[in-house]
C-alpha cells in the first residue's frame, strides 16, 4: 500500500526477514527499481550483505549508537584487506607453514580445520613472497584465497567482537 502514488520517501524496516531466497531477490529488485526512479529509501536490516548490496550510504548501529557511517567501500577500508587464508592437507603441513610464515607475518590458526589466516600485505610482491617461502619449504596448500573485507568484518572490528578476527 505504501508504494501507491509514488511517494518520494519510503521506510523499509527489515523487508526481507523471513523471505526465501527468490522472494528476497524480488524485494531487492523492487528496492533497486524504486531507487533508480528517484525514491529515497531508508532501509533497516540486520543483514549487512543486504546493506552492502542495496545502500548508497550505510550507518552501522551498535547498542543504539552509530559507530560508523559511509559508503560500503569507505567502511570496508577500516579493515585490513591484506589477509590470505591457506588451507593445508594435514596438521603437519599446517604447523610447518605456521612456523615458517610467523617469522615474517602475523599468522592465526583457525579453531577448527586446517586453515591459517596470514596478514601478508596487499601488494603482489608481498603475496608472492608468502608463496615463495612456502614453495622453498616444499609446502603446497590444498587451497588459498585472499580475504576480502565484508561489512560484517567492519562491524565486528568496530564493536570489539572477536568473531570479526576469525
C-alpha atoms as a PDB file:
ATOM      1  CA  UNK A   1       0.000   0.000   0.000  1.00  0.00           C
ATOM      2  CA  UNK A   2       2.839   2.406   0.795  1.00  0.00           C
ATOM      3  CA  UNK A   3       4.055   2.199  -2.813  1.00  0.00           C
ATOM      4  CA  UNK A   4       0.807   3.547  -4.282  1.00  0.00           C
ATOM      5  CA  UNK A   5       1.197   7.097  -5.572  1.00  0.00           C
ATOM      6  CA  UNK A   6       4.997   7.053  -5.994  1.00  0.00           C
ATOM      7  CA  UNK A   7       5.988   8.508  -2.625  1.00  0.00           C
ATOM      8  CA  UNK A   8       9.293  10.434  -2.614  1.00  0.00           C
ATOM      9  CA  UNK A   9      10.494   8.709   0.594  1.00  0.00           C
ATOM     10  CA  UNK A  10       9.890   5.144   1.798  1.00  0.00           C
ATOM     11  CA  UNK A  11      10.961   3.452   5.032  1.00  0.00           C
ATOM     12  CA  UNK A  12      11.589  -0.292   4.856  1.00  0.00           C
ATOM     13  CA  UNK A  13      12.065  -1.978   8.236  1.00  0.00           C
ATOM     14  CA  UNK A  14      13.806  -5.322   7.659  1.00  0.00           C
ATOM     15  CA  UNK A  15      11.819  -6.059   4.497  1.00  0.00           C
ATOM     16  CA  UNK A  16      13.446  -9.419   3.750  1.00  0.00           C
ATOM     17  CA  UNK A  17      13.239 -11.052   7.180  1.00  0.00           C
ATOM     18  CA  UNK A  18      11.709 -14.483   6.779  1.00  0.00           C
ATOM     19  CA  UNK A  19      11.739 -14.463   2.979  1.00  0.00           C
ATOM     20  CA  UNK A  20      13.051 -17.347   0.905  1.00  0.00           C
ATOM     21  CA  UNK A  21      15.944 -16.543  -1.491  1.00  0.00           C
ATOM     22  CA  UNK A  22      13.652 -15.997  -4.501  1.00  0.00           C
ATOM     23  CA  UNK A  23      11.347 -13.605  -2.653  1.00  0.00           C
ATOM     24  CA  UNK A  24      14.378 -11.820  -1.167  1.00  0.00           C
ATOM     25  CA  UNK A  25      15.798 -11.239  -4.663  1.00  0.00           C
ATOM     26  CA  UNK A  26      12.404  -9.928  -5.813  1.00  0.00           C
ATOM     27  CA  UNK A  27      12.343  -7.470  -2.886  1.00  0.00           C
ATOM     28  CA  UNK A  28      15.911  -6.369  -3.649  1.00  0.00           C
ATOM     29  CA  UNK A  29      14.905  -5.702  -7.254  1.00  0.00           C
ATOM     30  CA  UNK A  30      11.873  -3.702  -6.122  1.00  0.00           C
ATOM     31  CA  UNK A  31      14.106  -1.570  -3.887  1.00  0.00           C
ATOM     32  CA  UNK A  32      16.641  -1.048  -6.697  1.00  0.00           C
ATOM     33  CA  UNK A  33      13.891  -0.037  -9.137  1.00  0.00           C
ATOM     34  CA  UNK A  34      12.415   2.470  -6.687  1.00  0.00           C
ATOM     35  CA  UNK A  35      15.865   3.991  -6.053  1.00  0.00           C
ATOM     36  CA  UNK A  36      16.586   4.216  -9.803  1.00  0.00           C
ATOM     37  CA  UNK A  37      13.334   6.160 -10.223  1.00  0.00           C
ATOM     38  CA  UNK A  38      14.453   8.676  -7.593  1.00  0.00           C
ATOM     39  CA  UNK A  39      12.723   7.432  -4.463  1.00  0.00           C
ATOM     40  CA  UNK A  40      14.707   7.996  -1.267  1.00  0.00           C
ATOM     41  CA  UNK A  41      14.749   4.763   0.713  1.00  0.00           C
ATOM     42  CA  UNK A  42      15.602   4.286   4.369  1.00  0.00           C
ATOM     43  CA  UNK A  43      16.313   0.606   4.924  1.00  0.00           C
ATOM     44  CA  UNK A  44      16.917  -1.047   8.267  1.00  0.00           C
ATOM     45  CA  UNK A  45      18.391  -4.511   8.159  1.00  0.00           C
ATOM     46  CA  UNK A  46      20.393  -6.877  10.308  1.00  0.00           C
ATOM     47  CA  UNK A  47      21.800  -8.456   7.156  1.00  0.00           C
ATOM     48  CA  UNK A  48      24.905  -6.452   6.324  1.00  0.00           C
ATOM     49  CA  UNK A  49      25.198  -8.254   2.975  1.00  0.00           C
ATOM     50  CA  UNK A  50      21.853  -6.674   2.145  1.00  0.00           C
ATOM     51  CA  UNK A  51      23.088  -3.202   3.104  1.00  0.00           C
ATOM     52  CA  UNK A  52      26.226  -3.778   1.028  1.00  0.00           C
ATOM     53  CA  UNK A  53      24.123  -4.784  -1.957  1.00  0.00           C
ATOM     54  CA  UNK A  54      21.470  -2.067  -1.787  1.00  0.00           C
ATOM     55  CA  UNK A  55      22.667   1.011   0.070  1.00  0.00           C
ATOM     56  CA  UNK A  56      24.486   4.077  -1.205  1.00  0.00           C
ATOM     57  CA  UNK A  57      25.179   5.203   2.367  1.00  0.00           C
ATOM     58  CA  UNK A  58      25.336   2.962   5.436  1.00  0.00           C
ATOM     59  CA  UNK A  59      25.205   3.716   9.152  1.00  0.00           C
ATOM     60  CA  UNK A  60      26.298   0.895  11.460  1.00  0.00           C
ATOM     61  CA  UNK A  61      24.364   0.921  14.709  1.00  0.00           C
ATOM     62  CA  UNK A  62      25.530  -0.874  17.861  1.00  0.00           C
ATOM     63  CA  UNK A  63      23.663  -0.670  21.169  1.00  0.00           C
ATOM     64  CA  UNK A  64      21.739   2.355  19.916  1.00  0.00           C
ATOM     65  CA  UNK A  65      24.815   4.315  18.811  1.00  0.00           C
ATOM     66  CA  UNK A  66      26.034   4.913  15.253  1.00  0.00           C
ATOM     67  CA  UNK A  67      29.594   3.538  15.339  1.00  0.00           C
ATOM     68  CA  UNK A  68      30.422   4.351  11.691  1.00  0.00           C
ATOM     69  CA  UNK A  69      28.838   5.641   8.534  1.00  0.00           C
ATOM     70  CA  UNK A  70      29.808   5.967   4.900  1.00  0.00           C
ATOM     71  CA  UNK A  71      29.691   4.038   1.681  1.00  0.00           C
ATOM     72  CA  UNK A  72      30.326   0.290   1.767  1.00  0.00           C
ATOM     73  CA  UNK A  73      33.742   0.892   0.212  1.00  0.00           C
ATOM     74  CA  UNK A  74      34.672   3.533   2.779  1.00  0.00           C
ATOM     75  CA  UNK A  75      33.618   1.295   5.653  1.00  0.00           C
ATOM     76  CA  UNK A  76      35.490  -1.737   4.298  1.00  0.00           C
ATOM     77  CA  UNK A  77      38.699   0.303   4.216  1.00  0.00           C
ATOM     78  CA  UNK A  78      38.551   0.272   8.028  1.00  0.00           C
ATOM     79  CA  UNK A  79      39.504  -3.427   7.949  1.00  0.00           C
ATOM     80  CA  UNK A  80      42.802  -4.713   6.544  1.00  0.00           C
ATOM     81  CA  UNK A  81      42.435  -6.337   3.123  1.00  0.00           C
ATOM     82  CA  UNK A  82      45.812  -7.981   3.272  1.00  0.00           C
ATOM     83  CA  UNK A  83      44.804 -11.359   4.678  1.00  0.00           C
ATOM     84  CA  UNK A  84      45.259 -14.674   2.907  1.00  0.00           C
ATOM     85  CA  UNK A  85      43.563 -17.868   4.036  1.00  0.00           C
ATOM     86  CA  UNK A  86      45.612 -21.001   3.428  1.00  0.00           C
ATOM     87  CA  UNK A  87      44.190 -24.493   3.860  1.00  0.00           C
ATOM     88  CA  UNK A  88      46.565 -27.449   4.167  1.00  0.00           C
ATOM     89  CA  UNK A  89      46.290 -31.173   3.528  1.00  0.00           C
ATOM     90  CA  UNK A  90      47.182 -32.174   7.092  1.00  0.00           C
ATOM     91  CA  UNK A  91      48.158 -30.871  10.531  1.00  0.00           C
ATOM     92  CA  UNK A  92      51.887 -31.457   9.891  1.00  0.00           C
ATOM     93  CA  UNK A  93      51.871 -29.178   6.836  1.00  0.00           C
ATOM     94  CA  UNK A  94      49.855 -26.560   8.691  1.00  0.00           C
ATOM     95  CA  UNK A  95      52.329 -26.498  11.599  1.00  0.00           C
ATOM     96  CA  UNK A  96      55.335 -26.335   9.255  1.00  0.00           C
ATOM     97  CA  UNK A  97      53.774 -23.476   7.308  1.00  0.00           C
ATOM     98  CA  UNK A  98      52.892 -21.618  10.519  1.00  0.00           C
ATOM     99  CA  UNK A  99      56.475 -21.969  11.746  1.00  0.00           C
ATOM    100  CA  UNK A 100      57.924 -20.605   8.519  1.00  0.00           C
ATOM    101  CA  UNK A 101      55.422 -17.809   7.966  1.00  0.00           C
ATOM    102  CA  UNK A 102      55.221 -16.461  11.515  1.00  0.00           C
ATOM    103  CA  UNK A 103      58.867 -15.369  11.262  1.00  0.00           C
ATOM    104  CA  UNK A 104      57.738 -12.634   8.860  1.00  0.00           C
ATOM    105  CA  UNK A 105      53.943 -12.383   9.026  1.00  0.00           C
ATOM    106  CA  UNK A 106      51.131 -12.313  11.523  1.00  0.00           C
ATOM    107  CA  UNK A 107      49.679 -15.831  11.451  1.00  0.00           C
ATOM    108  CA  UNK A 108      46.462 -17.034  13.049  1.00  0.00           C
ATOM    109  CA  UNK A 109      45.354 -20.680  13.122  1.00  0.00           C
ATOM    110  CA  UNK A 110      41.636 -21.351  12.830  1.00  0.00           C
ATOM    111  CA  UNK A 111      39.971 -23.002  15.793  1.00  0.00           C
ATOM    112  CA  UNK A 112      38.786 -25.822  13.589  1.00  0.00           C
ATOM    113  CA  UNK A 113      40.169 -27.261  10.406  1.00  0.00           C
ATOM    114  CA  UNK A 114      43.490 -26.924   8.680  1.00  0.00           C
ATOM    115  CA  UNK A 115      43.410 -23.218   7.858  1.00  0.00           C
ATOM    116  CA  UNK A 116      45.836 -20.399   8.584  1.00  0.00           C
ATOM    117  CA  UNK A 117      44.980 -16.741   8.138  1.00  0.00           C
ATOM    118  CA  UNK A 118      48.096 -14.774   7.249  1.00  0.00           C
ATOM    119  CA  UNK A 119      48.363 -10.987   7.241  1.00  0.00           C
ATOM    120  CA  UNK A 120      50.719 -10.668   4.303  1.00  0.00           C
ATOM    121  CA  UNK A 121      50.264  -7.242   2.773  1.00  0.00           C
ATOM    122  CA  UNK A 122      48.107  -6.410  -0.202  1.00  0.00           C
ATOM    123  CA  UNK A 123      50.791  -5.942  -2.858  1.00  0.00           C
ATOM    124  CA  UNK A 124      51.604  -8.655  -5.367  1.00  0.00           C
ATOM    125  CA  UNK A 125      55.231  -8.575  -4.194  1.00  0.00           C
ATOM    126  CA  UNK A 126      54.211  -9.314  -0.614  1.00  0.00           C
ATOM    127  CA  UNK A 127      51.813 -12.059  -1.687  1.00  0.00           C
ATOM    128  CA  UNK A 128      54.448 -13.594  -3.947  1.00  0.00           C
ATOM    129  CA  UNK A 129      56.927 -13.624  -1.043  1.00  0.00           C
ATOM    130  CA  UNK A 130      54.470 -15.613   1.069  1.00  0.00           C
ATOM    131  CA  UNK A 131      54.069 -18.284  -1.614  1.00  0.00           C
ATOM    132  CA  UNK A 132      57.800 -18.357  -2.413  1.00  0.00           C
ATOM    133  CA  UNK A 133      58.504 -19.097   1.256  1.00  0.00           C
ATOM    134  CA  UNK A 134      56.036 -21.986   1.151  1.00  0.00           C
ATOM    135  CA  UNK A 135      57.435 -23.264  -2.158  1.00  0.00           C
ATOM    136  CA  UNK A 136      61.008 -23.154  -0.854  1.00  0.00           C
ATOM    137  CA  UNK A 137      59.890 -25.237   2.131  1.00  0.00           C
ATOM    138  CA  UNK A 138      58.108 -27.649  -0.250  1.00  0.00           C
ATOM    139  CA  UNK A 139      54.752 -26.932   1.298  1.00  0.00           C
ATOM    140  CA  UNK A 140      51.841 -26.629  -1.077  1.00  0.00           C
ATOM    141  CA  UNK A 141      48.485 -25.502   0.316  1.00  0.00           C
ATOM    142  CA  UNK A 142      45.417 -27.511  -0.628  1.00  0.00           C
ATOM    143  CA  UNK A 143      43.594 -24.222  -1.182  1.00  0.00           C
ATOM    144  CA  UNK A 144      44.035 -20.480  -0.687  1.00  0.00           C
ATOM    145  CA  UNK A 145      42.043 -17.285  -1.024  1.00  0.00           C
ATOM    146  CA  UNK A 146      42.546 -13.616  -0.380  1.00  0.00           C
ATOM    147  CA  UNK A 147      40.173 -12.477   2.335  1.00  0.00           C
ATOM    148  CA  UNK A 148      38.136  -9.505   1.147  1.00  0.00           C
ATOM    149  CA  UNK A 149      36.620  -7.495   3.997  1.00  0.00           C
ATOM    150  CA  UNK A 150      32.853  -7.609   4.462  1.00  0.00           C
ATOM    151  CA  UNK A 151      30.610  -5.243   6.354  1.00  0.00           C
ATOM    152  CA  UNK A 152      30.349  -7.978   8.984  1.00  0.00           C
ATOM    153  CA  UNK A 153      34.141  -7.710   9.434  1.00  0.00           C
ATOM    154  CA  UNK A 154      33.795  -3.946   9.821  1.00  0.00           C
ATOM    155  CA  UNK A 155      31.017  -4.306  12.389  1.00  0.00           C
ATOM    156  CA  UNK A 156      32.974  -6.834  14.446  1.00  0.00           C
ATOM    157  CA  UNK A 157      36.106  -4.692  14.350  1.00  0.00           C
ATOM    158  CA  UNK A 158      34.287  -1.545  15.436  1.00  0.00           C
ATOM    159  CA  UNK A 159      32.313  -3.241  18.197  1.00  0.00           C
ATOM    160  CA  UNK A 160      35.254  -5.232  19.558  1.00  0.00           C
ATOM    161  CA  UNK A 161      33.685  -8.598  18.883  1.00  0.00           C
ATOM    162  CA  UNK A 162      36.370 -11.284  18.404  1.00  0.00           C
ATOM    163  CA  UNK A 163      34.251 -13.058  15.755  1.00  0.00           C
ATOM    164  CA  UNK A 164      35.394 -10.492  13.202  1.00  0.00           C
ATOM    165  CA  UNK A 165      39.013 -11.562  13.670  1.00  0.00           C
ATOM    166  CA  UNK A 166      38.444 -15.163  12.576  1.00  0.00           C
END
